Amino acid sequence: MTVYYRAVRRGLRVASSLLALPLEVEGEEHVPSQGPFLILSNHRSALDPICLQTSLDRVVHAMTKSTQFSQPAFRWLLPRLHAFPTRRYKVDSQAVRVALRLLDSGEGVCIYAEGERSWTGELQRFRTGTVRLALKAGVPVI
């Protein structure tokens, strides 16, 4: 876990408790204490990645849309927060290889399986590539 990841996680935990922001986490008890795992999360808010990564005790590598890496500040920060880029609306073989490599090395990976935020708040259909990756990985899926 990088210094940046720990610092951001600790800062966000303190800020959320000081601001009394309600944070509801479901399924945390299913995250293994060691070994690989895959989180397939819904995506209702731009804050979802931040909330997910700050609420878990394990490092989670988040598959993040590649356009987030276009700004210099985010291009520097996101890898330090264990995010890696993926192209949206098509199978990104490089992102799949990165995810499988992380899982093979015992890490946790998060994919927003709908492929984008839900504008209605309703769970959208999962992307086919996400389902294929989950089946191929052979790791616990949360």
N, C-alpha and C. Protein backbone atom coordinates (compact mmCIF):
# COMPACT_ATOMS: atom_id res chain seq x y z
N MET A 1 0.86 -1.17 0.00
CA MET A 1 0.00 0.00 0.00
C MET A 1 0.90 1.24 0.00
N THR A 2 0.69 2.10 -0.97
CA THR A 2 1.54 3.28 -1.06
C THR A 2 1.20 4.30 0.03
N VAL A 3 2.15 5.18 0.26
CA VAL A 3 1.95 6.26 1.23
C VAL A 3 0.76 7.12 0.81
N TYR A 4 0.64 7.38 -0.49
CA TYR A 4 -0.45 8.21 -0.99
C TYR A 4 -1.80 7.55 -0.72
N TYR A 5 -1.86 6.26 -1.00
CA TYR A 5 -3.12 5.52 -0.80
C TYR A 5 -3.53 5.59 0.67
N ARG A 6 -2.58 5.32 1.57
CA ARG A 6 -2.88 5.37 3.01
C ARG A 6 -3.30 6.77 3.44
N ALA A 7 -2.59 7.78 2.96
CA ALA A 7 -2.90 9.16 3.36
C ALA A 7 -4.28 9.59 2.87
N VAL A 8 -4.58 9.29 1.62
CA VAL A 8 -5.88 9.66 1.07
C VAL A 8 -6.99 8.90 1.79
N ARG A 9 -6.77 7.61 2.01
CA ARG A 9 -7.79 6.81 2.70
C ARG A 9 -8.03 7.32 4.11
N ARG A 10 -6.98 7.59 4.85
CA ARG A 10 -7.13 8.10 6.21
C ARG A 10 -7.81 9.48 6.21
N GLY A 11 -7.40 10.35 5.30
CA GLY A 11 -8.00 11.68 5.22
C GLY A 11 -9.48 11.63 4.89
N LEU A 12 -9.86 10.75 3.97
CA LEU A 12 -11.27 10.64 3.61
C LEU A 12 -12.09 10.01 4.73
N ARG A 13 -11.51 9.08 5.45
CA ARG A 13 -12.23 8.49 6.59
C ARG A 13 -12.48 9.56 7.66
N VAL A 14 -11.48 10.37 7.94
CA VAL A 14 -11.63 11.44 8.93
C VAL A 14 -12.66 12.45 8.45
N ALA A 15 -12.55 12.87 7.19
CA ALA A 15 -13.49 13.87 6.65
C ALA A 15 -14.92 13.36 6.68
N SER A 16 -15.14 12.10 6.31
CA SER A 16 -16.51 11.58 6.31
C SER A 16 -17.08 11.48 7.71
N SER A 17 -16.24 11.16 8.69
CA SER A 17 -16.77 11.10 10.06
C SER A 17 -17.00 12.50 10.62
N LEU A 18 -16.12 13.45 10.32
CA LEU A 18 -16.31 14.82 10.81
C LEU A 18 -17.53 15.48 10.19
N LEU A 19 -17.78 15.18 8.92
CA LEU A 19 -18.93 15.76 8.23
C LEU A 19 -20.19 14.93 8.41
N ALA A 20 -20.07 13.84 9.14
CA ALA A 20 -21.20 12.93 9.39
C ALA A 20 -21.85 12.50 8.08
N LEU A 21 -21.02 12.19 7.09
CA LEU A 21 -21.55 11.72 5.82
C LEU A 21 -21.96 10.26 5.94
N PRO A 22 -23.19 9.96 5.60
CA PRO A 22 -23.63 8.57 5.69
C PRO A 22 -22.96 7.72 4.61
N LEU A 23 -22.33 6.67 5.04
CA LEU A 23 -21.68 5.75 4.12
C LEU A 23 -22.19 4.35 4.41
N GLU A 24 -22.84 3.76 3.44
CA GLU A 24 -23.39 2.42 3.60
C GLU A 24 -22.57 1.45 2.77
N VAL A 25 -21.98 0.48 3.45
CA VAL A 25 -21.17 -0.53 2.77
C VAL A 25 -21.85 -1.87 2.99
N GLU A 26 -22.11 -2.57 1.89
CA GLU A 26 -22.71 -3.89 1.98
C GLU A 26 -21.74 -4.92 1.43
N GLY A 27 -21.59 -6.02 2.11
CA GLY A 27 -20.77 -7.13 1.63
C GLY A 27 -19.32 -7.09 2.03
N GLU A 28 -18.95 -6.13 2.88
CA GLU A 28 -17.55 -6.02 3.30
C GLU A 28 -17.05 -7.30 3.97
N GLU A 29 -17.95 -8.00 4.63
CA GLU A 29 -17.55 -9.23 5.31
C GLU A 29 -17.15 -10.34 4.33
N HIS A 30 -17.47 -10.16 3.05
CA HIS A 30 -17.11 -11.16 2.04
C HIS A 30 -15.73 -10.93 1.44
N VAL A 31 -15.11 -9.80 1.75
CA VAL A 31 -13.78 -9.51 1.22
C VAL A 31 -12.77 -10.36 2.00
N PRO A 32 -12.04 -11.23 1.31
CA PRO A 32 -11.08 -12.08 2.02
C PRO A 32 -9.95 -11.26 2.63
N SER A 33 -9.42 -11.73 3.75
CA SER A 33 -8.35 -11.00 4.42
C SER A 33 -7.03 -11.14 3.66
N GLN A 34 -6.92 -12.14 2.82
CA GLN A 34 -5.75 -12.29 1.96
C GLN A 34 -6.15 -13.02 0.70
N GLY A 35 -5.31 -12.91 -0.32
CA GLY A 35 -5.58 -13.55 -1.59
C GLY A 35 -6.40 -12.66 -2.51
N PRO A 36 -6.51 -13.08 -3.78
CA PRO A 36 -7.18 -12.26 -4.78
C PRO A 36 -8.69 -12.22 -4.60
N PHE A 37 -9.28 -11.13 -5.05
CA PHE A 37 -10.74 -11.00 -5.09
C PHE A 37 -11.10 -9.97 -6.13
N LEU A 38 -12.32 -10.06 -6.61
CA LEU A 38 -12.84 -9.15 -7.62
C LEU A 38 -14.12 -8.54 -7.09
N ILE A 39 -14.17 -7.22 -7.06
CA ILE A 39 -15.39 -6.53 -6.64
C ILE A 39 -16.08 -6.03 -7.91
N LEU A 40 -17.32 -6.45 -8.11
CA LEU A 40 -18.14 -5.94 -9.20
C LEU A 40 -19.18 -5.04 -8.56
N SER A 41 -18.93 -3.76 -8.63
CA SER A 41 -19.77 -2.80 -7.93
C SER A 41 -20.69 -2.07 -8.88
N ASN A 42 -21.83 -1.64 -8.33
CA ASN A 42 -22.66 -0.73 -9.10
C ASN A 42 -22.04 0.66 -8.99
N HIS A 43 -22.50 1.58 -9.83
CA HIS A 43 -21.85 2.89 -9.90
C HIS A 43 -22.93 3.96 -10.01
N ARG A 44 -23.32 4.51 -8.86
CA ARG A 44 -24.39 5.50 -8.83
C ARG A 44 -23.88 6.92 -8.63
N SER A 45 -22.64 7.08 -8.18
CA SER A 45 -22.12 8.40 -7.86
C SER A 45 -20.65 8.50 -8.24
N ALA A 46 -20.21 9.71 -8.53
CA ALA A 46 -18.79 9.93 -8.82
C ALA A 46 -17.94 9.64 -7.59
N LEU A 47 -18.56 9.59 -6.42
CA LEU A 47 -17.85 9.31 -5.18
C LEU A 47 -17.68 7.82 -4.90
N ASP A 48 -18.31 6.97 -5.69
CA ASP A 48 -18.25 5.52 -5.44
C ASP A 48 -16.83 4.98 -5.31
N PRO A 49 -15.91 5.29 -6.24
CA PRO A 49 -14.55 4.75 -6.08
C PRO A 49 -13.89 5.20 -4.78
N ILE A 50 -14.09 6.45 -4.43
CA ILE A 50 -13.49 6.97 -3.20
C ILE A 50 -14.08 6.26 -1.99
N CYS A 51 -15.39 6.14 -1.97
CA CYS A 51 -16.05 5.49 -0.82
C CYS A 51 -15.64 4.03 -0.71
N LEU A 52 -15.59 3.34 -1.83
CA LEU A 52 -15.25 1.92 -1.80
C LEU A 52 -13.82 1.73 -1.30
N GLN A 53 -12.89 2.50 -1.84
CA GLN A 53 -11.50 2.30 -1.46
C GLN A 53 -11.22 2.73 -0.02
N THR A 54 -11.94 3.71 0.49
CA THR A 54 -11.69 4.14 1.86
C THR A 54 -12.38 3.25 2.88
N SER A 55 -13.39 2.51 2.47
CA SER A 55 -14.14 1.71 3.44
C SER A 55 -13.54 0.32 3.66
N LEU A 56 -12.71 -0.14 2.75
CA LEU A 56 -12.13 -1.48 2.88
C LEU A 56 -10.74 -1.41 3.49
N ASP A 57 -10.38 -2.44 4.24
CA ASP A 57 -9.06 -2.49 4.85
C ASP A 57 -7.99 -2.97 3.88
N ARG A 58 -8.40 -3.60 2.80
CA ARG A 58 -7.45 -4.08 1.80
C ARG A 58 -7.33 -3.09 0.66
N VAL A 59 -6.20 -3.11 0.00
CA VAL A 59 -6.00 -2.29 -1.19
C VAL A 59 -6.87 -2.84 -2.31
N VAL A 60 -7.51 -1.93 -3.03
CA VAL A 60 -8.32 -2.30 -4.18
C VAL A 60 -7.81 -1.53 -5.38
N HIS A 61 -7.47 -2.25 -6.44
CA HIS A 61 -7.03 -1.64 -7.69
C HIS A 61 -8.28 -1.42 -8.54
N ALA A 62 -8.59 -0.16 -8.82
CA ALA A 62 -9.83 0.16 -9.52
C ALA A 62 -9.59 0.37 -11.01
N MET A 63 -10.37 -0.34 -11.83
CA MET A 63 -10.36 -0.11 -13.27
C MET A 63 -11.09 1.21 -13.49
N THR A 64 -10.40 2.17 -14.11
CA THR A 64 -10.89 3.54 -14.23
C THR A 64 -10.91 3.96 -15.69
N LYS A 65 -11.95 4.68 -16.10
CA LYS A 65 -12.02 5.09 -17.51
C LYS A 65 -10.79 5.91 -17.88
N SER A 66 -10.26 5.62 -19.05
CA SER A 66 -8.99 6.20 -19.48
C SER A 66 -9.02 7.72 -19.57
N THR A 67 -10.17 8.31 -19.81
CA THR A 67 -10.24 9.77 -19.91
C THR A 67 -9.89 10.45 -18.59
N GLN A 68 -10.03 9.73 -17.47
CA GLN A 68 -9.66 10.30 -16.18
C GLN A 68 -8.16 10.57 -16.10
N PHE A 69 -7.39 9.85 -16.90
CA PHE A 69 -5.93 9.97 -16.89
C PHE A 69 -5.43 11.08 -17.82
N SER A 70 -6.34 11.81 -18.47
CA SER A 70 -5.93 12.82 -19.44
C SER A 70 -5.44 14.11 -18.80
N GLN A 71 -5.88 14.41 -17.60
CA GLN A 71 -5.43 15.61 -16.90
C GLN A 71 -4.14 15.30 -16.14
N PRO A 72 -3.15 16.18 -16.21
CA PRO A 72 -1.85 15.89 -15.57
C PRO A 72 -1.93 15.52 -14.09
N ALA A 73 -2.75 16.22 -13.33
CA ALA A 73 -2.84 15.92 -11.90
C ALA A 73 -3.38 14.52 -11.66
N PHE A 74 -4.42 14.14 -12.40
CA PHE A 74 -4.98 12.80 -12.24
C PHE A 74 -4.06 11.73 -12.81
N ARG A 75 -3.36 12.07 -13.89
CA ARG A 75 -2.42 11.10 -14.48
C ARG A 75 -1.33 10.75 -13.47
N TRP A 76 -0.96 11.70 -12.61
CA TRP A 76 0.02 11.45 -11.57
C TRP A 76 -0.62 10.73 -10.37
N LEU A 77 -1.81 11.19 -9.95
CA LEU A 77 -2.42 10.70 -8.72
C LEU A 77 -3.05 9.31 -8.85
N LEU A 78 -3.79 9.07 -9.91
CA LEU A 78 -4.55 7.82 -10.01
C LEU A 78 -3.71 6.55 -9.88
N PRO A 79 -2.55 6.44 -10.53
CA PRO A 79 -1.76 5.21 -10.32
C PRO A 79 -1.30 5.05 -8.87
N ARG A 80 -1.09 6.15 -8.18
CA ARG A 80 -0.68 6.09 -6.77
C ARG A 80 -1.83 5.67 -5.86
N LEU A 81 -3.05 5.78 -6.39
CA LEU A 81 -4.23 5.29 -5.67
C LEU A 81 -4.67 3.93 -6.21
N HIS A 82 -3.76 3.30 -6.94
CA HIS A 82 -3.96 1.94 -7.48
C HIS A 82 -5.07 1.85 -8.51
N ALA A 83 -5.26 2.92 -9.26
CA ALA A 83 -6.21 2.88 -10.38
C ALA A 83 -5.45 2.57 -11.65
N PHE A 84 -6.10 1.89 -12.58
CA PHE A 84 -5.49 1.63 -13.87
C PHE A 84 -6.53 1.88 -14.96
N PRO A 85 -6.09 2.37 -16.13
CA PRO A 85 -7.04 2.82 -17.15
C PRO A 85 -7.65 1.69 -17.97
N THR A 86 -8.86 1.97 -18.44
CA THR A 86 -9.53 1.11 -19.40
C THR A 86 -10.30 1.99 -20.38
N ARG A 87 -10.37 1.54 -21.61
CA ARG A 87 -11.18 2.23 -22.61
C ARG A 87 -12.61 1.75 -22.46
N ARG A 88 -13.53 2.67 -22.55
CA ARG A 88 -14.94 2.32 -22.36
C ARG A 88 -15.58 1.89 -23.68
N TYR A 89 -16.66 1.11 -23.56
CA TYR A 89 -17.53 0.68 -24.67
C TYR A 89 -16.87 -0.28 -25.64
N LYS A 90 -15.72 -0.82 -25.27
CA LYS A 90 -15.09 -1.86 -26.08
C LYS A 90 -14.21 -2.69 -25.15
N VAL A 91 -13.90 -3.89 -25.58
CA VAL A 91 -13.02 -4.73 -24.77
C VAL A 91 -11.62 -4.15 -24.87
N ASP A 92 -11.04 -3.84 -23.71
CA ASP A 92 -9.69 -3.29 -23.64
C ASP A 92 -8.78 -4.41 -23.16
N SER A 93 -8.12 -5.06 -24.11
CA SER A 93 -7.32 -6.24 -23.77
C SER A 93 -6.18 -5.90 -22.82
N GLN A 94 -5.63 -4.69 -22.91
CA GLN A 94 -4.57 -4.29 -21.99
C GLN A 94 -5.10 -4.21 -20.56
N ALA A 95 -6.27 -3.61 -20.36
CA ALA A 95 -6.86 -3.50 -19.02
C ALA A 95 -7.21 -4.88 -18.47
N VAL A 96 -7.66 -5.78 -19.33
CA VAL A 96 -7.97 -7.14 -18.90
C VAL A 96 -6.69 -7.84 -18.44
N ARG A 97 -5.60 -7.67 -19.19
CA ARG A 97 -4.32 -8.27 -18.79
C ARG A 97 -3.84 -7.71 -17.45
N VAL A 98 -3.97 -6.41 -17.26
CA VAL A 98 -3.56 -5.80 -15.99
C VAL A 98 -4.39 -6.38 -14.85
N ALA A 99 -5.71 -6.47 -15.04
CA ALA A 99 -6.58 -7.00 -13.99
C ALA A 99 -6.21 -8.45 -13.66
N LEU A 100 -6.01 -9.28 -14.68
CA LEU A 100 -5.65 -10.68 -14.45
C LEU A 100 -4.29 -10.81 -13.77
N ARG A 101 -3.34 -9.96 -14.15
CA ARG A 101 -2.01 -9.98 -13.53
C ARG A 101 -2.12 -9.60 -12.04
N LEU A 102 -2.92 -8.59 -11.73
CA LEU A 102 -3.12 -8.20 -10.33
C LEU A 102 -3.75 -9.33 -9.53
N LEU A 103 -4.77 -9.95 -10.11
CA LEU A 103 -5.44 -11.05 -9.42
C LEU A 103 -4.48 -12.23 -9.23
N ASP A 104 -3.68 -12.52 -10.25
CA ASP A 104 -2.70 -13.61 -10.14
C ASP A 104 -1.69 -13.36 -9.04
N SER A 105 -1.43 -12.08 -8.75
CA SER A 105 -0.46 -11.76 -7.70
C SER A 105 -1.13 -11.58 -6.34
N GLY A 106 -2.43 -11.95 -6.23
CA GLY A 106 -3.11 -11.94 -4.94
C GLY A 106 -3.76 -10.63 -4.55
N GLU A 107 -3.91 -9.72 -5.49
CA GLU A 107 -4.48 -8.40 -5.21
C GLU A 107 -6.00 -8.39 -5.41
N GLY A 108 -6.62 -7.32 -4.92
CA GLY A 108 -8.04 -7.08 -5.14
C GLY A 108 -8.24 -6.11 -6.28
N VAL A 109 -9.25 -6.36 -7.10
CA VAL A 109 -9.55 -5.51 -8.26
C VAL A 109 -11.03 -5.15 -8.21
N CYS A 110 -11.32 -3.89 -8.51
CA CYS A 110 -12.71 -3.42 -8.58
C CYS A 110 -13.03 -3.00 -10.00
N ILE A 111 -14.15 -3.49 -10.48
CA ILE A 111 -14.66 -3.09 -11.80
C ILE A 111 -16.10 -2.63 -11.61
N TYR A 112 -16.40 -1.49 -12.18
CA TYR A 112 -17.79 -1.03 -12.18
C TYR A 112 -18.44 -1.70 -13.38
N ALA A 113 -19.13 -2.79 -13.09
CA ALA A 113 -19.56 -3.75 -14.09
C ALA A 113 -20.57 -3.21 -15.09
N GLU A 114 -21.21 -2.10 -14.76
CA GLU A 114 -22.18 -1.52 -15.68
C GLU A 114 -21.47 -0.73 -16.79
N GLY A 115 -20.20 -0.40 -16.57
CA GLY A 115 -19.43 0.32 -17.57
C GLY A 115 -19.52 1.82 -17.46
N GLU A 116 -20.44 2.32 -16.69
CA GLU A 116 -20.60 3.76 -16.48
C GLU A 116 -21.55 3.98 -15.31
N ARG A 117 -21.64 5.25 -14.88
CA ARG A 117 -22.56 5.57 -13.79
C ARG A 117 -23.99 5.42 -14.26
N SER A 118 -24.83 4.99 -13.35
CA SER A 118 -26.26 4.90 -13.63
C SER A 118 -26.89 6.26 -13.34
N TRP A 119 -27.49 6.84 -14.35
CA TRP A 119 -28.11 8.16 -14.18
C TRP A 119 -29.45 8.07 -13.49
N THR A 120 -30.06 6.88 -13.45
CA THR A 120 -31.36 6.72 -12.80
C THR A 120 -31.24 6.13 -11.41
N GLY A 121 -30.07 5.63 -11.06
CA GLY A 121 -29.89 4.97 -9.77
C GLY A 121 -30.23 3.49 -9.82
N GLU A 122 -30.80 3.05 -10.92
CA GLU A 122 -31.15 1.64 -11.09
C GLU A 122 -29.94 0.86 -11.60
N LEU A 123 -29.83 -0.39 -11.17
CA LEU A 123 -28.75 -1.24 -11.63
C LEU A 123 -28.92 -1.49 -13.13
N GLN A 124 -27.86 -1.22 -13.89
CA GLN A 124 -27.87 -1.43 -15.33
C GLN A 124 -27.33 -2.82 -15.65
N ARG A 125 -27.51 -3.24 -16.88
CA ARG A 125 -26.99 -4.53 -17.33
C ARG A 125 -25.47 -4.52 -17.27
N PHE A 126 -24.88 -5.61 -16.77
CA PHE A 126 -23.42 -5.72 -16.71
C PHE A 126 -22.87 -5.87 -18.12
N ARG A 127 -21.70 -5.31 -18.33
CA ARG A 127 -21.00 -5.46 -19.61
C ARG A 127 -20.55 -6.91 -19.76
N THR A 128 -20.67 -7.43 -20.97
CA THR A 128 -20.32 -8.82 -21.23
C THR A 128 -18.87 -9.10 -20.88
N GLY A 129 -17.97 -8.16 -21.20
CA GLY A 129 -16.55 -8.35 -20.92
C GLY A 129 -16.27 -8.50 -19.44
N THR A 130 -17.04 -7.80 -18.61
CA THR A 130 -16.87 -7.91 -17.17
C THR A 130 -17.23 -9.30 -16.69
N VAL A 131 -18.32 -9.83 -17.19
CA VAL A 131 -18.76 -11.17 -16.81
C VAL A 131 -17.73 -12.20 -17.27
N ARG A 132 -17.23 -12.05 -18.47
CA ARG A 132 -16.20 -12.98 -18.98
C ARG A 132 -14.94 -12.94 -18.12
N LEU A 133 -14.52 -11.73 -17.74
CA LEU A 133 -13.32 -11.61 -16.92
C LEU A 133 -13.54 -12.27 -15.56
N ALA A 134 -14.70 -12.08 -14.98
CA ALA A 134 -15.00 -12.69 -13.67
C ALA A 134 -14.95 -14.21 -13.78
N LEU A 135 -15.49 -14.75 -14.84
CA LEU A 135 -15.48 -16.21 -15.03
C LEU A 135 -14.06 -16.73 -15.28
N LYS A 136 -13.29 -15.99 -16.06
CA LYS A 136 -11.93 -16.42 -16.37
C LYS A 136 -11.01 -16.34 -15.16
N ALA A 137 -11.20 -15.33 -14.32
CA ALA A 137 -10.29 -15.07 -13.20
C ALA A 137 -10.33 -16.21 -12.18
N GLY A 138 -11.50 -16.79 -11.94
CA GLY A 138 -11.59 -17.89 -10.97
C GLY A 138 -11.26 -17.48 -9.55
N VAL A 139 -11.61 -16.26 -9.16
CA VAL A 139 -11.35 -15.76 -7.81
C VAL A 139 -12.69 -15.40 -7.15
N PRO A 140 -12.71 -15.20 -5.84
CA PRO A 140 -13.96 -14.78 -5.20
C PRO A 140 -14.46 -13.47 -5.80
N VAL A 141 -15.76 -13.43 -6.09
CA VAL A 141 -16.38 -12.24 -6.67
C VAL A 141 -17.35 -11.66 -5.63
N ILE A 142 -17.15 -10.39 -5.36
CA ILE A 142 -18.00 -9.69 -4.39
C ILE A 142 -18.80 -8.65 -5.12
